[in-house]
């Protein structure tokens, strides 16, 4: 009985989320200019969309920024996760804290801070400032869920001064090269906030 109620609840949640999208998709084929009543099936709105070069340019630019920022964020997030997991070095706590500052800060605070920074530094607002401004948001979604080395995951929080010695030696003492050691961090490639 409980699993049946859970199934009904999940079905209602999906209906609540996806029914408006289905209605919007159906009404995009409506011949009426306003979606108050159904006046017949047409494809003229899609023809107008494909002839609107300004809108298509904006869509291409948005997709370019989304893919580029997600790629940059995934590369940076993967390198930071690998570095924090494999090595102990001076400033490791600061880098580790910086990762969590990005995760914990509200989007609007980061956005306004970056805008003030770009305007104060005299940057011309455009493609590159947009890419630099969106990458922190993508980095937050591509950064590791649980970075090994934190108190919560493995208890390895202390730092050795100015050394770049591998941290993971328990199950990899037979491996002589860093790339042969097992790495247990996760990084996701997520562009969903931009689509």
N, C-alpha and C. Protein backbone atom coordinates (compact mmCIF):
# COMPACT_ATOMS: atom_id res chain seq x y z
N UNK A 1 0.81 -1.20 0.00
CA UNK A 1 0.00 0.00 0.00
C UNK A 1 0.86 1.26 0.00
N UNK A 2 1.93 1.24 0.81
CA UNK A 2 2.80 2.42 0.88
C UNK A 2 3.51 2.65 -0.44
N UNK A 3 3.95 1.58 -1.11
CA UNK A 3 4.63 1.76 -2.40
C UNK A 3 3.65 2.28 -3.45
N UNK A 4 2.38 1.89 -3.37
CA UNK A 4 1.37 2.40 -4.28
C UNK A 4 1.17 3.90 -4.07
N UNK A 5 1.11 4.33 -2.80
CA UNK A 5 0.96 5.76 -2.50
C UNK A 5 2.19 6.55 -2.94
N UNK A 6 3.36 5.95 -2.77
CA UNK A 6 4.58 6.62 -3.24
C UNK A 6 4.55 6.79 -4.75
N UNK A 7 4.09 5.75 -5.45
CA UNK A 7 4.00 5.82 -6.91
C UNK A 7 3.02 6.91 -7.34
N UNK A 8 1.89 7.00 -6.66
CA UNK A 8 0.91 8.06 -6.97
C UNK A 8 1.52 9.44 -6.72
N UNK A 9 2.21 9.58 -5.60
CA UNK A 9 2.83 10.86 -5.25
C UNK A 9 3.87 11.25 -6.31
N UNK A 10 4.73 10.31 -6.70
CA UNK A 10 5.74 10.59 -7.72
C UNK A 10 5.08 10.93 -9.05
N UNK A 11 4.02 10.21 -9.39
CA UNK A 11 3.29 10.51 -10.63
C UNK A 11 2.71 11.92 -10.61
N UNK A 12 2.15 12.33 -9.48
CA UNK A 12 1.59 13.69 -9.37
C UNK A 12 2.67 14.76 -9.47
N UNK A 13 3.83 14.49 -8.88
CA UNK A 13 4.94 15.44 -8.97
C UNK A 13 5.37 15.59 -10.42
N UNK A 14 5.53 14.46 -11.13
CA UNK A 14 5.92 14.53 -12.54
C UNK A 14 4.85 15.22 -13.38
N UNK A 15 3.59 14.95 -13.09
CA UNK A 15 2.51 15.62 -13.80
C UNK A 15 2.56 17.13 -13.56
N UNK A 16 2.79 17.53 -12.32
CA UNK A 16 2.89 18.95 -11.99
C UNK A 16 4.06 19.61 -12.72
N UNK A 17 5.17 18.89 -12.88
CA UNK A 17 6.34 19.45 -13.54
C UNK A 17 6.22 19.47 -15.06
N UNK A 18 5.69 18.40 -15.64
CA UNK A 18 5.74 18.25 -17.09
C UNK A 18 4.46 18.60 -17.83
N UNK A 19 3.32 18.66 -17.17
CA UNK A 19 2.08 19.03 -17.86
C UNK A 19 2.13 20.44 -18.43
N UNK A 20 2.62 21.44 -17.69
CA UNK A 20 2.72 22.78 -18.30
C UNK A 20 3.62 22.81 -19.53
N UNK A 21 4.69 22.01 -19.53
CA UNK A 21 5.56 21.96 -20.70
C UNK A 21 4.83 21.33 -21.89
N UNK A 22 4.06 20.30 -21.64
CA UNK A 22 3.30 19.66 -22.72
C UNK A 22 2.24 20.61 -23.29
N UNK A 23 1.58 21.36 -22.41
CA UNK A 23 0.58 22.33 -22.87
C UNK A 23 1.23 23.43 -23.70
N UNK A 24 2.39 23.92 -23.25
CA UNK A 24 3.12 24.94 -24.03
C UNK A 24 3.53 24.41 -25.39
N UNK A 25 4.03 23.17 -25.42
CA UNK A 25 4.43 22.58 -26.69
C UNK A 25 3.23 22.43 -27.62
N UNK A 26 2.08 22.00 -27.09
CA UNK A 26 0.89 21.84 -27.93
C UNK A 26 0.40 23.18 -28.46
N UNK A 27 0.40 24.20 -27.60
CA UNK A 27 -0.08 25.51 -28.03
C UNK A 27 0.90 26.25 -28.93
N UNK A 28 2.11 25.75 -29.07
CA UNK A 28 3.03 26.38 -30.03
C UNK A 28 2.60 26.10 -31.46
N UNK A 29 1.70 25.13 -31.66
CA UNK A 29 1.16 24.83 -32.99
C UNK A 29 -0.21 25.46 -33.22
N UNK A 30 -0.64 26.33 -32.31
CA UNK A 30 -1.95 26.98 -32.39
C UNK A 30 -1.91 28.09 -33.44
N UNK A 31 -2.93 28.17 -34.26
CA UNK A 31 -3.00 29.21 -35.29
C UNK A 31 -3.33 30.58 -34.69
N UNK A 32 -3.88 30.61 -33.49
CA UNK A 32 -4.24 31.87 -32.85
C UNK A 32 -2.98 32.59 -32.36
N UNK A 33 -3.01 33.92 -32.45
CA UNK A 33 -1.87 34.70 -31.97
C UNK A 33 -1.74 34.61 -30.46
N UNK A 34 -2.86 34.54 -29.78
CA UNK A 34 -2.88 34.41 -28.33
C UNK A 34 -3.41 33.03 -27.98
N UNK A 35 -2.88 32.44 -26.92
CA UNK A 35 -3.22 31.06 -26.57
C UNK A 35 -4.46 30.95 -25.70
N UNK A 36 -5.45 31.78 -25.96
CA UNK A 36 -6.67 31.71 -25.16
C UNK A 36 -7.61 30.63 -25.68
N UNK A 37 -7.57 30.39 -26.99
CA UNK A 37 -8.43 29.36 -27.57
C UNK A 37 -7.70 28.72 -28.74
N UNK A 38 -8.10 27.51 -29.08
CA UNK A 38 -7.46 26.77 -30.18
C UNK A 38 -8.14 27.15 -31.48
N UNK A 39 -7.36 27.67 -32.45
CA UNK A 39 -7.91 28.10 -33.73
C UNK A 39 -7.47 27.21 -34.88
N UNK A 40 -6.74 26.17 -34.60
CA UNK A 40 -6.30 25.26 -35.66
C UNK A 40 -4.78 25.03 -35.60
N UNK A 41 -4.34 24.03 -36.35
CA UNK A 41 -2.93 23.63 -36.37
C UNK A 41 -2.17 24.45 -37.40
N UNK A 42 -0.99 24.94 -37.02
CA UNK A 42 -0.13 25.68 -37.95
C UNK A 42 1.34 25.56 -37.54
N UNK A 43 2.21 25.77 -38.53
CA UNK A 43 3.66 25.81 -38.28
C UNK A 43 4.23 27.20 -38.52
N UNK A 44 3.34 28.20 -38.68
CA UNK A 44 3.83 29.54 -39.04
C UNK A 44 4.69 30.16 -37.94
N UNK A 45 4.45 29.83 -36.67
CA UNK A 45 5.25 30.41 -35.60
C UNK A 45 6.69 29.90 -35.65
N UNK A 46 6.85 28.64 -36.05
CA UNK A 46 8.21 28.10 -36.20
C UNK A 46 8.90 28.71 -37.41
N UNK A 47 8.14 29.02 -38.46
CA UNK A 47 8.71 29.72 -39.61
C UNK A 47 9.19 31.11 -39.22
N UNK A 48 8.39 31.81 -38.41
CA UNK A 48 8.81 33.13 -37.94
C UNK A 48 10.04 33.04 -37.03
N UNK A 49 10.08 32.01 -36.22
CA UNK A 49 11.24 31.81 -35.34
C UNK A 49 12.50 31.62 -36.16
N UNK A 50 12.43 30.77 -37.18
CA UNK A 50 13.62 30.48 -38.00
C UNK A 50 14.02 31.65 -38.88
N UNK A 51 13.12 32.61 -39.09
CA UNK A 51 13.49 33.79 -39.88
C UNK A 51 13.96 34.96 -39.01
N UNK A 52 13.90 34.81 -37.70
CA UNK A 52 14.33 35.87 -36.78
C UNK A 52 15.82 35.66 -36.46
N UNK A 53 16.68 36.36 -37.20
CA UNK A 53 18.13 36.15 -37.06
C UNK A 53 18.65 36.64 -35.71
N UNK A 54 18.05 37.68 -35.16
CA UNK A 54 18.50 38.18 -33.86
C UNK A 54 18.31 37.13 -32.77
N UNK A 55 17.16 36.49 -32.77
CA UNK A 55 16.87 35.46 -31.78
C UNK A 55 17.77 34.23 -31.97
N UNK A 56 18.01 33.86 -33.23
CA UNK A 56 18.88 32.71 -33.50
C UNK A 56 20.33 33.02 -33.10
N UNK A 57 20.78 34.25 -33.35
CA UNK A 57 22.13 34.63 -32.92
C UNK A 57 22.27 34.57 -31.40
N UNK A 58 21.23 35.03 -30.69
CA UNK A 58 21.25 34.97 -29.22
C UNK A 58 21.28 33.52 -28.73
N UNK A 59 20.53 32.64 -29.40
CA UNK A 59 20.52 31.23 -29.00
C UNK A 59 21.87 30.57 -29.24
N UNK A 60 22.50 30.88 -30.37
CA UNK A 60 23.83 30.32 -30.67
C UNK A 60 24.85 30.85 -29.67
N UNK A 61 24.79 32.13 -29.36
CA UNK A 61 25.72 32.69 -28.38
C UNK A 61 25.51 32.08 -26.99
N UNK A 62 24.26 31.87 -26.60
CA UNK A 62 23.97 31.24 -25.31
C UNK A 62 24.52 29.83 -25.24
N UNK A 63 24.33 29.07 -26.32
CA UNK A 63 24.85 27.70 -26.32
C UNK A 63 26.38 27.70 -26.32
N UNK A 64 27.00 28.63 -27.03
CA UNK A 64 28.46 28.73 -27.04
C UNK A 64 28.99 29.03 -25.65
N UNK A 65 28.37 30.01 -24.98
CA UNK A 65 28.79 30.36 -23.62
C UNK A 65 28.57 29.18 -22.67
N UNK A 66 27.43 28.50 -22.81
CA UNK A 66 27.11 27.38 -21.92
C UNK A 66 28.14 26.26 -22.07
N UNK A 67 28.45 25.89 -23.29
CA UNK A 67 29.40 24.80 -23.52
C UNK A 67 30.81 25.20 -23.10
N UNK A 68 31.21 26.43 -23.43
CA UNK A 68 32.56 26.88 -23.07
C UNK A 68 32.72 26.99 -21.55
N UNK A 69 31.73 27.58 -20.87
CA UNK A 69 31.87 27.74 -19.42
C UNK A 69 31.80 26.40 -18.71
N UNK A 70 30.98 25.48 -19.19
CA UNK A 70 30.92 24.15 -18.57
C UNK A 70 32.23 23.40 -18.78
N UNK A 71 32.83 23.57 -19.96
CA UNK A 71 34.11 22.91 -20.23
C UNK A 71 35.21 23.48 -19.34
N UNK A 72 35.29 24.80 -19.26
CA UNK A 72 36.29 25.44 -18.40
C UNK A 72 36.09 25.02 -16.95
N UNK A 73 34.85 25.04 -16.48
CA UNK A 73 34.56 24.69 -15.10
C UNK A 73 34.87 23.22 -14.81
N UNK A 74 34.59 22.35 -15.76
CA UNK A 74 34.87 20.93 -15.56
C UNK A 74 36.37 20.68 -15.49
N UNK A 75 37.13 21.35 -16.34
CA UNK A 75 38.59 21.19 -16.31
C UNK A 75 39.16 21.70 -14.99
N UNK A 76 38.74 22.91 -14.59
CA UNK A 76 39.24 23.48 -13.34
C UNK A 76 38.80 22.63 -12.15
N UNK A 77 37.53 22.21 -12.12
CA UNK A 77 37.03 21.40 -11.03
C UNK A 77 37.74 20.06 -10.92
N UNK A 78 38.02 19.44 -12.05
CA UNK A 78 38.72 18.15 -12.04
C UNK A 78 40.15 18.32 -11.56
N UNK A 79 40.83 19.36 -12.04
CA UNK A 79 42.21 19.59 -11.61
C UNK A 79 42.29 19.92 -10.12
N UNK A 80 41.37 20.74 -9.63
CA UNK A 80 41.37 21.09 -8.20
C UNK A 80 41.07 19.86 -7.35
N UNK A 81 40.09 19.05 -7.78
CA UNK A 81 39.76 17.84 -7.02
C UNK A 81 40.94 16.87 -7.00
N UNK A 82 41.60 16.70 -8.13
CA UNK A 82 42.77 15.80 -8.19
C UNK A 82 43.88 16.34 -7.29
N UNK A 83 44.12 17.64 -7.36
CA UNK A 83 45.18 18.25 -6.56
C UNK A 83 44.88 18.12 -5.07
N UNK A 84 43.65 18.40 -4.66
CA UNK A 84 43.30 18.31 -3.25
C UNK A 84 43.32 16.87 -2.74
N UNK A 85 43.03 15.95 -3.61
CA UNK A 85 43.00 14.54 -3.20
C UNK A 85 44.39 13.92 -3.14
N UNK A 86 45.24 14.26 -4.09
CA UNK A 86 46.52 13.58 -4.22
C UNK A 86 47.66 14.21 -3.44
N UNK A 87 47.62 15.51 -3.21
CA UNK A 87 48.79 16.20 -2.67
C UNK A 87 48.46 17.02 -1.43
N UNK A 88 49.47 17.19 -0.62
CA UNK A 88 49.42 18.14 0.50
C UNK A 88 50.42 19.24 0.21
N UNK A 89 50.01 20.47 0.33
CA UNK A 89 50.86 21.60 -0.01
C UNK A 89 50.44 22.80 0.80
N UNK A 90 51.30 23.82 0.81
CA UNK A 90 50.98 25.06 1.50
C UNK A 90 49.81 25.72 0.78
N UNK A 91 48.84 26.15 1.52
CA UNK A 91 47.67 26.79 0.92
C UNK A 91 46.55 25.82 0.58
N UNK A 92 46.70 24.56 0.95
CA UNK A 92 45.68 23.56 0.64
C UNK A 92 44.36 23.90 1.34
N UNK A 93 44.43 24.36 2.57
CA UNK A 93 43.22 24.74 3.30
C UNK A 93 42.52 25.92 2.63
N UNK A 94 43.30 26.85 2.11
CA UNK A 94 42.70 28.02 1.43
C UNK A 94 41.98 27.59 0.15
N UNK A 95 42.60 26.70 -0.62
CA UNK A 95 41.96 26.20 -1.84
C UNK A 95 40.71 25.42 -1.48
N UNK A 96 40.82 24.58 -0.48
CA UNK A 96 39.69 23.78 -0.02
C UNK A 96 38.55 24.69 0.45
N UNK A 97 38.88 25.73 1.18
CA UNK A 97 37.87 26.69 1.62
C UNK A 97 37.26 27.45 0.47
N UNK A 98 38.08 27.78 -0.53
CA UNK A 98 37.57 28.49 -1.71
C UNK A 98 36.55 27.68 -2.47
N UNK A 99 36.73 26.37 -2.51
CA UNK A 99 35.76 25.50 -3.17
C UNK A 99 34.41 25.61 -2.46
N UNK A 100 34.44 25.58 -1.13
CA UNK A 100 33.19 25.62 -0.39
C UNK A 100 32.58 27.01 -0.35
N UNK A 101 33.39 28.06 -0.47
CA UNK A 101 32.83 29.41 -0.56
C UNK A 101 31.98 29.52 -1.83
N UNK A 102 32.47 28.96 -2.93
CA UNK A 102 31.70 29.00 -4.18
C UNK A 102 30.42 28.18 -4.06
N UNK A 103 30.48 27.08 -3.33
CA UNK A 103 29.28 26.25 -3.19
C UNK A 103 28.24 26.89 -2.28
N UNK A 104 28.69 27.64 -1.29
CA UNK A 104 27.78 28.17 -0.28
C UNK A 104 27.27 29.58 -0.59
N UNK A 105 27.93 30.31 -1.48
CA UNK A 105 27.52 31.69 -1.76
C UNK A 105 26.27 31.71 -2.65
N UNK A 106 25.33 32.58 -2.35
CA UNK A 106 24.15 32.72 -3.22
C UNK A 106 24.56 33.24 -4.60
N UNK A 107 23.81 32.84 -5.62
CA UNK A 107 24.12 33.22 -7.00
C UNK A 107 24.17 34.73 -7.18
N UNK A 108 23.22 35.43 -6.58
CA UNK A 108 23.15 36.88 -6.78
C UNK A 108 24.37 37.58 -6.18
N UNK A 109 24.89 37.07 -5.08
CA UNK A 109 26.08 37.67 -4.46
C UNK A 109 27.29 37.51 -5.38
N UNK A 110 27.46 36.32 -5.94
CA UNK A 110 28.57 36.08 -6.86
C UNK A 110 28.42 36.95 -8.11
N UNK A 111 27.20 37.02 -8.65
CA UNK A 111 26.97 37.78 -9.87
C UNK A 111 27.25 39.27 -9.68
N UNK A 112 26.75 39.85 -8.60
CA UNK A 112 26.97 41.28 -8.36
C UNK A 112 28.44 41.54 -8.05
N UNK A 113 29.08 40.65 -7.30
CA UNK A 113 30.51 40.83 -7.00
C UNK A 113 31.34 40.82 -8.27
N UNK A 114 31.04 39.89 -9.18
CA UNK A 114 31.80 39.84 -10.42
C UNK A 114 31.52 41.05 -11.31
N UNK A 115 30.28 41.52 -11.34
CA UNK A 115 29.97 42.72 -12.12
C UNK A 115 30.73 43.92 -11.59
N UNK A 116 30.74 44.10 -10.28
CA UNK A 116 31.48 45.21 -9.67
C UNK A 116 32.98 45.08 -9.97
N UNK A 117 33.50 43.85 -9.89
CA UNK A 117 34.91 43.62 -10.20
C UNK A 117 35.22 43.98 -11.65
N UNK A 118 34.40 43.51 -12.59
CA UNK A 118 34.65 43.78 -14.01
C UNK A 118 34.55 45.26 -14.33
N UNK A 119 33.55 45.93 -13.78
CA UNK A 119 33.40 47.37 -14.03
C UNK A 119 34.51 48.16 -13.37
N UNK A 120 34.89 47.77 -12.15
CA UNK A 120 35.97 48.46 -11.45
C UNK A 120 37.32 48.28 -12.12
N UNK A 121 37.52 47.12 -12.74
CA UNK A 121 38.79 46.86 -13.43
C UNK A 121 38.81 47.45 -14.84
N UNK A 122 37.67 47.97 -15.29
CA UNK A 122 37.63 48.61 -16.59
C UNK A 122 37.44 47.67 -17.76
N UNK A 123 36.95 46.46 -17.51
CA UNK A 123 36.69 45.51 -18.60
C UNK A 123 35.49 45.97 -19.41
N UNK A 124 35.52 45.74 -20.70
CA UNK A 124 34.36 45.97 -21.54
C UNK A 124 33.47 44.74 -21.42
N UNK A 125 32.21 44.95 -21.06
CA UNK A 125 31.30 43.83 -20.88
C UNK A 125 30.99 43.21 -22.24
N UNK A 126 31.13 41.90 -22.33
CA UNK A 126 30.89 41.20 -23.58
C UNK A 126 31.05 39.70 -23.39
N UNK A 127 31.47 39.03 -24.46
CA UNK A 127 31.57 37.57 -24.46
C UNK A 127 32.50 37.06 -23.37
N UNK A 128 33.70 37.64 -23.27
CA UNK A 128 34.70 37.12 -22.34
C UNK A 128 34.34 37.38 -20.88
N UNK A 129 33.75 38.53 -20.59
CA UNK A 129 33.32 38.77 -19.21
C UNK A 129 32.14 37.88 -18.86
N UNK A 130 31.28 37.63 -19.84
CA UNK A 130 30.17 36.71 -19.60
C UNK A 130 30.67 35.29 -19.34
N UNK A 131 31.66 34.88 -20.11
CA UNK A 131 32.25 33.55 -19.91
C UNK A 131 32.92 33.45 -18.53
N UNK A 132 33.67 34.51 -18.15
CA UNK A 132 34.31 34.51 -16.83
C UNK A 132 33.28 34.60 -15.71
N UNK A 133 32.16 35.24 -15.96
CA UNK A 133 31.13 35.38 -14.94
C UNK A 133 30.29 34.13 -14.76
N UNK A 134 30.08 33.37 -15.83
CA UNK A 134 29.24 32.18 -15.74
C UNK A 134 30.05 30.97 -15.29
N UNK A 135 31.34 30.95 -15.56
CA UNK A 135 32.16 29.79 -15.20
C UNK A 135 32.12 29.44 -13.71
N UNK A 136 32.10 30.41 -12.78
CA UNK A 136 31.98 30.02 -11.37
C UNK A 136 30.69 29.25 -11.04
N UNK A 137 29.60 29.59 -11.73
CA UNK A 137 28.36 28.86 -11.49
C UNK A 137 28.45 27.44 -12.01
N UNK A 138 29.07 27.28 -13.18
CA UNK A 138 29.27 25.93 -13.72
C UNK A 138 30.28 25.17 -12.90
N UNK A 139 31.31 25.88 -12.38
CA UNK A 139 32.31 25.23 -11.53
C UNK A 139 31.65 24.66 -10.28
N UNK A 140 30.70 25.41 -9.74
CA UNK A 140 30.03 24.94 -8.53
C UNK A 140 29.30 23.63 -8.80
N UNK A 141 28.71 23.49 -9.99
CA UNK A 141 28.00 22.25 -10.27
C UNK A 141 28.92 21.15 -10.76
N UNK A 142 30.16 21.48 -11.14
CA UNK A 142 31.08 20.43 -11.58
C UNK A 142 32.12 20.10 -10.53
N UNK A 143 32.14 20.83 -9.42
CA UNK A 143 33.13 20.55 -8.38
C UNK A 143 32.76 19.28 -7.64
N UNK A 144 33.71 18.68 -6.97
CA UNK A 144 33.46 17.39 -6.33
C UNK A 144 32.36 17.47 -5.28
N UNK A 145 31.56 16.42 -5.22
CA UNK A 145 30.49 16.36 -4.23
C UNK A 145 31.07 16.25 -2.82
N UNK A 146 32.07 15.42 -2.66
CA UNK A 146 32.73 15.25 -1.37
C UNK A 146 34.21 15.09 -1.64
N UNK A 147 34.97 16.10 -1.34
CA UNK A 147 36.39 16.06 -1.65
C UNK A 147 37.10 15.21 -0.61
N UNK A 148 37.74 14.11 -1.05
CA UNK A 148 38.53 13.36 -0.09
C UNK A 148 39.60 14.24 0.50
N UNK A 149 39.82 14.11 1.77
CA UNK A 149 40.76 14.97 2.46
C UNK A 149 40.06 15.90 3.41
N UNK A 150 38.72 15.95 3.32
CA UNK A 150 37.99 16.78 4.27
C UNK A 150 37.74 16.00 5.54
N UNK A 151 37.38 16.70 6.59
CA UNK A 151 37.10 16.02 7.86
C UNK A 151 35.94 15.05 7.71
N UNK A 152 34.97 15.40 6.87
CA UNK A 152 33.78 14.57 6.73
C UNK A 152 34.06 13.27 5.98
N UNK A 153 35.06 13.26 5.08
CA UNK A 153 35.24 12.06 4.28
C UNK A 153 36.33 11.14 4.78
N UNK A 154 37.55 11.64 5.00
CA UNK A 154 38.62 10.73 5.39
C UNK A 154 39.39 11.17 6.62
N UNK A 155 39.17 12.34 7.11
CA UNK A 155 39.87 12.80 8.30
C UNK A 155 41.26 13.32 8.02
N UNK A 156 41.66 13.45 6.75
CA UNK A 156 43.00 13.94 6.42
C UNK A 156 42.94 15.45 6.23
N UNK A 157 42.98 16.21 7.29
CA UNK A 157 42.84 17.66 7.19
C UNK A 157 44.16 18.37 7.42
N UNK A 158 45.11 17.74 8.07
CA UNK A 158 46.36 18.43 8.38
C UNK A 158 47.21 18.59 7.12
N UNK A 159 48.10 19.56 7.15
CA UNK A 159 48.94 19.84 6.00
C UNK A 159 50.41 19.67 6.38
N UNK A 160 51.18 19.20 5.43
CA UNK A 160 52.62 19.18 5.60
C UNK A 160 53.18 20.39 4.87
N UNK A 161 54.07 21.16 5.46
CA UNK A 161 54.51 22.40 4.83
C UNK A 161 55.31 22.17 3.56
N UNK A 162 54.89 22.89 2.51
CA UNK A 162 55.64 23.03 1.26
C UNK A 162 56.05 21.72 0.62
N UNK A 163 55.24 20.69 0.73
CA UNK A 163 55.56 19.43 0.06
C UNK A 163 54.44 19.10 -0.91
N UNK A 164 54.77 18.39 -1.94
CA UNK A 164 53.78 17.89 -2.87
C UNK A 164 53.84 16.37 -2.85
N UNK A 165 53.63 15.81 -1.67
CA UNK A 165 53.66 14.35 -1.55
C UNK A 165 52.25 13.81 -1.70
N UNK A 166 52.12 12.66 -2.35
CA UNK A 166 50.78 12.08 -2.50
C UNK A 166 50.17 11.76 -1.15
N UNK A 167 48.86 11.98 -1.05
CA UNK A 167 48.13 11.69 0.17
C UNK A 167 47.73 10.23 0.22
N UNK A 168 47.26 9.69 -0.91
CA UNK A 168 46.71 8.33 -0.90
C UNK A 168 47.83 7.31 -1.05
N UNK A 169 48.23 6.70 0.06
CA UNK A 169 49.28 5.68 0.01
C UNK A 169 48.81 4.36 0.60
N UNK A 170 47.62 4.33 1.21
CA UNK A 170 47.16 3.11 1.87
C UNK A 170 47.01 1.94 0.89
N UNK A 171 46.19 2.14 -0.16
CA UNK A 171 45.90 1.04 -1.05
C UNK A 171 46.72 1.12 -2.34
N UNK A 172 47.73 1.96 -2.38
CA UNK A 172 48.46 2.11 -3.63
C UNK A 172 49.97 2.12 -3.42
N UNK A 173 50.46 1.48 -2.39
CA UNK A 173 51.90 1.51 -2.14
C UNK A 173 52.67 0.77 -3.22
N UNK A 174 52.02 -0.19 -3.90
CA UNK A 174 52.70 -0.93 -4.96
C UNK A 174 52.84 -0.09 -6.22
N UNK A 175 51.96 0.91 -6.38
CA UNK A 175 52.01 1.76 -7.57
C UNK A 175 53.09 2.81 -7.41
N UNK A 176 53.95 2.93 -8.40
CA UNK A 176 55.02 3.90 -8.29
C UNK A 176 54.69 5.21 -8.99
N UNK A 177 53.66 5.23 -9.85
CA UNK A 177 53.31 6.44 -10.58
C UNK A 177 51.97 6.97 -10.09
N UNK A 178 51.82 8.30 -10.01
CA UNK A 178 50.58 8.88 -9.47
C UNK A 178 49.35 8.48 -10.27
N UNK A 179 49.46 8.32 -11.60
CA UNK A 179 48.28 8.01 -12.39
C UNK A 179 47.84 6.56 -12.23
N UNK A 180 48.65 5.72 -11.56
CA UNK A 180 48.26 4.34 -11.31
C UNK A 180 47.54 4.18 -9.98
N UNK A 181 47.46 5.25 -9.20
CA UNK A 181 46.79 5.18 -7.90
C UNK A 181 45.29 5.37 -8.09
N UNK A 182 44.51 4.67 -7.29
CA UNK A 182 43.06 4.86 -7.40
C UNK A 182 42.65 6.24 -6.91
N UNK A 183 41.79 6.90 -7.66
CA UNK A 183 41.29 8.22 -7.30
C UNK A 183 39.80 8.09 -7.04
N UNK A 184 39.34 8.60 -5.90
CA UNK A 184 37.95 8.38 -5.51
C UNK A 184 37.13 9.66 -5.51
N UNK A 185 37.51 10.68 -6.28
CA UNK A 185 36.72 11.91 -6.32
C UNK A 185 35.75 11.84 -7.48
N UNK A 186 34.76 12.69 -7.44
CA UNK A 186 33.75 12.73 -8.49
C UNK A 186 33.70 14.14 -9.05
N UNK A 187 33.57 14.25 -10.34
CA UNK A 187 33.32 15.55 -10.95
C UNK A 187 32.29 15.36 -12.03
N UNK A 188 31.24 16.17 -12.03
CA UNK A 188 30.18 16.04 -13.01
C UNK A 188 30.25 17.14 -14.03
N UNK A 189 29.93 16.84 -15.28
CA UNK A 189 29.92 17.81 -16.36
C UNK A 189 28.48 18.25 -16.53
N UNK A 190 28.13 19.39 -16.00
CA UNK A 190 26.74 19.81 -15.99
C UNK A 190 26.58 21.14 -16.70
N UNK A 191 25.74 21.14 -17.74
CA UNK A 191 25.42 22.40 -18.40
C UNK A 191 23.94 22.74 -18.22
N UNK A 192 23.25 21.96 -17.39
CA UNK A 192 21.82 22.13 -17.26
C UNK A 192 21.37 23.53 -16.81
N UNK A 193 22.14 24.26 -15.97
CA UNK A 193 21.64 25.58 -15.60
C UNK A 193 21.59 26.56 -16.77
N UNK A 194 22.24 26.22 -17.87
CA UNK A 194 22.34 27.16 -18.98
C UNK A 194 21.42 26.83 -20.13
N UNK A 195 20.70 25.72 -20.08
CA UNK A 195 19.84 25.34 -21.20
C UNK A 195 18.40 25.75 -20.97
